[in-house]
C-alpha atoms as a PDB file:
ATOM      1  CA  MET A   1     -12.238 -25.637 -32.660  1.00  0.00           C
ATOM      2  CA  THR A   2     -13.591 -26.606 -36.315  1.00  0.00           C
ATOM      3  CA  GLY A   3     -16.374 -28.033 -37.025  1.00  0.00           C
ATOM      4  CA  GLU A   4     -14.782 -31.063 -38.295  1.00  0.00           C
ATOM      5  CA  GLU A   5     -12.563 -31.065 -34.667  1.00  0.00           C
ATOM      6  CA  LEU A   6     -16.111 -30.681 -32.656  1.00  0.00           C
ATOM      7  CA  ASP A   7     -17.594 -33.714 -34.524  1.00  0.00           C
ATOM      8  CA  LYS A   8     -14.296 -36.017 -33.716  1.00  0.00           C
ATOM      9  CA  ALA A   9     -14.846 -34.745 -30.239  1.00  0.00           C
ATOM     10  CA  ILE A  10     -18.224 -35.673 -30.171  1.00  0.00           C
ATOM     11  CA  ASN A  11     -18.123 -38.612 -31.707  1.00  0.00           C
ATOM     12  CA  PHE A  12     -14.983 -39.529 -29.131  1.00  0.00           C
ATOM     13  CA  LEU A  13     -17.254 -38.708 -26.532  1.00  0.00           C
ATOM     14  CA  LEU A  14     -20.229 -40.995 -27.875  1.00  0.00           C
ATOM     15  CA  ASN A  15     -18.089 -43.806 -28.212  1.00  0.00           C
ATOM     16  CA  GLN A  16     -16.479 -43.694 -24.991  1.00  0.00           C
ATOM     17  CA  GLN A  17     -19.561 -43.399 -23.243  1.00  0.00           C
ATOM     18  CA  ALA A  18     -21.021 -46.022 -25.275  1.00  0.00           C
ATOM     19  CA  GLN A  19     -18.134 -48.142 -24.071  1.00  0.00           C
ATOM     20  CA  LEU A  20     -18.866 -46.963 -20.644  1.00  0.00           C
ATOM     21  CA  VAL A  21     -22.495 -47.936 -20.819  1.00  0.00           C
ATOM     22  CA  THR A  22     -21.273 -51.503 -21.759  1.00  0.00           C
ATOM     23  CA  THR A  23     -18.676 -52.005 -19.542  1.00  0.00           C
ATOM     24  CA  VAL A  24     -21.502 -51.020 -16.501  1.00  0.00           C
ATOM     25  CA  ASP A  25     -23.891 -53.312 -18.111  1.00  0.00           C
ATOM     26  CA  ARG A  26     -21.514 -56.508 -17.748  1.00  0.00           C
ATOM     27  CA  LEU A  27     -20.276 -55.128 -14.057  1.00  0.00           C
ATOM     28  CA  ALA A  28     -23.974 -54.941 -12.865  1.00  0.00           C
ATOM     29  CA  SER A  29     -24.662 -58.522 -14.649  1.00  0.00           C
ATOM     30  CA  LYS A  30     -21.576 -59.949 -12.673  1.00  0.00           C
ATOM     31  CA  VAL A  31     -23.048 -57.885  -9.339  1.00  0.00           C
ATOM     32  CA  ASP A  32     -26.112 -59.747  -9.793  1.00  0.00           C
ATOM     33  CA  ARG A  33     -24.597 -62.978 -10.501  1.00  0.00           C
ATOM     34  CA  THR A  34     -22.368 -62.951  -7.476  1.00  0.00           C
ATOM     35  CA  ALA A  35     -25.480 -61.463  -5.474  1.00  0.00           C
ATOM     36  CA  ASP A  36     -26.936 -65.219  -6.425  1.00  0.00           C
ATOM     37  CA  SER A  37     -24.304 -66.860  -5.503  1.00  0.00           C
ATOM     38  CA  ILE A  38     -23.840 -65.150  -1.885  1.00  0.00           C
ATOM     39  CA  SER A  39     -27.135 -66.079  -1.057  1.00  0.00           C
ATOM     40  CA  ALA A  40     -27.176 -69.423  -2.700  1.00  0.00           C
ATOM     41  CA  LEU A  41     -23.734 -69.865  -0.196  1.00  0.00           C
ATOM     42  CA  LEU A  42     -25.644 -68.304   2.644  1.00  0.00           C
ATOM     43  CA  GLN A  43     -28.474 -70.766   2.652  1.00  0.00           C
ATOM     44  CA  ILE A  44     -26.062 -73.644   2.318  1.00  0.00           C
ATOM     45  CA  ALA A  45     -24.312 -72.294   5.364  1.00  0.00           C
ATOM     46  CA  GLU A  46     -27.525 -71.888   7.262  1.00  0.00           C
ATOM     47  CA  LEU A  47     -28.810 -75.283   6.564  1.00  0.00           C
ATOM     48  CA  HIS A  48     -24.928 -76.532   7.576  1.00  0.00           C
ATOM     49  CA  ASP A  49     -25.824 -74.569  10.917  1.00  0.00           C
ATOM     50  CA  ARG A  50     -29.462 -76.490  11.445  1.00  0.00           C
ATOM     51  CA  GLU A  51     -27.627 -79.819  10.618  1.00  0.00           C
ATOM     52  CA  ILE A  52     -24.596 -79.000  12.844  1.00  0.00           C
ATOM     53  CA  LYS A  53     -26.868 -78.209  15.989  1.00  0.00           C
ATOM     54  CA  GLU A  54     -29.108 -81.399  14.958  1.00  0.00           C
ATOM     55  CA  THR A  55     -26.027 -83.555  15.637  1.00  0.00           C
ATOM     56  CA  ASP A  56     -24.960 -81.437  18.736  1.00  0.00           C
ATOM     57  CA  GLU A  57     -28.291 -82.129  20.326  1.00  0.00           C
ATOM     58  CA  ARG A  58     -28.009 -85.890  19.269  1.00  0.00           C
ATOM     59  CA  LEU A  59     -24.335 -86.127  20.719  1.00  0.00           C
ATOM     60  CA  ASN A  60     -25.295 -84.874  24.086  1.00  0.00           C
ATOM     61  CA  ALA A  61     -28.686 -86.757  24.103  1.00  0.00           C
ATOM     62  CA  LEU A  62     -25.847 -89.744  23.861  1.00  0.00           C
ATOM     63  CA  ILE A  63     -23.374 -88.525  25.954  1.00  0.00           C
ATOM     64  CA  ASN A  64     -25.696 -88.196  28.524  1.00  0.00           C
ATOM     65  CA  THR A  65     -27.229 -91.658  28.218  1.00  0.00           C
ATOM     66  CA  VAL A  66     -24.044 -93.204  28.580  1.00  0.00           C
ATOM     67  CA  GLU A  67     -23.345 -91.366  31.295  1.00  0.00           C
ATOM     68  CA  ARG A  68     -26.151 -92.513  33.046  1.00  0.00           C
ATOM     69  CA  HIS A  69     -25.933 -95.688  32.312  1.00  0.00           C
ATOM     70  CA  ILE A  70     -21.893 -95.227  33.567  1.00  0.00           C
ATOM     71  CA  SER A  71     -23.559 -93.635  36.846  1.00  0.00           C
ATOM     72  CA  GLU A  72     -26.140 -96.209  37.237  1.00  0.00           C
ATOM     73  CA  GLY A  73     -23.371 -99.173  37.097  1.00  0.00           C
ATOM     74  CA  ARG A  74     -21.029 -97.680  39.727  1.00  0.00           C
ATOM     75  CA  GLY A  75     -23.767 -96.690  42.254  1.00  0.00           C
ATOM     76  CA  GLY A  76     -23.973 -99.999  43.457  1.00  0.00           C
ATOM     77  CA  ASN A  77     -27.748-100.552  42.512  1.00  0.00           C
ATOM     78  CA  GLY A  78     -27.055-103.465  41.002  1.00  0.00           C
ATOM     79  CA  LYS A  79     -26.934-102.475  37.347  1.00  0.00           C
ATOM     80  CA  GLY A  80     -24.433-102.746  34.872  1.00  0.00           C
ATOM     81  CA  GLY A  81     -20.654-104.068  34.694  1.00  0.00           C
ATOM     82  CA  GLU A  82     -20.795-105.118  38.717  1.00  0.00           C
END
């Protein structure tokens, strides 16, 4: 390999390495943004989960109240629709 060929090969390798570094940097940036997005989505999911649990608790309280009123009305104690 002549000196000129060696220089061309070295320049080719250096250019390829520079392109690779640029590509890796772009990918790392995208990975960071994706991780941030996933983190935000997880926080939203946790918030929704808490809201659903709170709604379930409120619905259960309402259901228990309605069932109690229905059973008291049918129990013959004078309350309700009798």
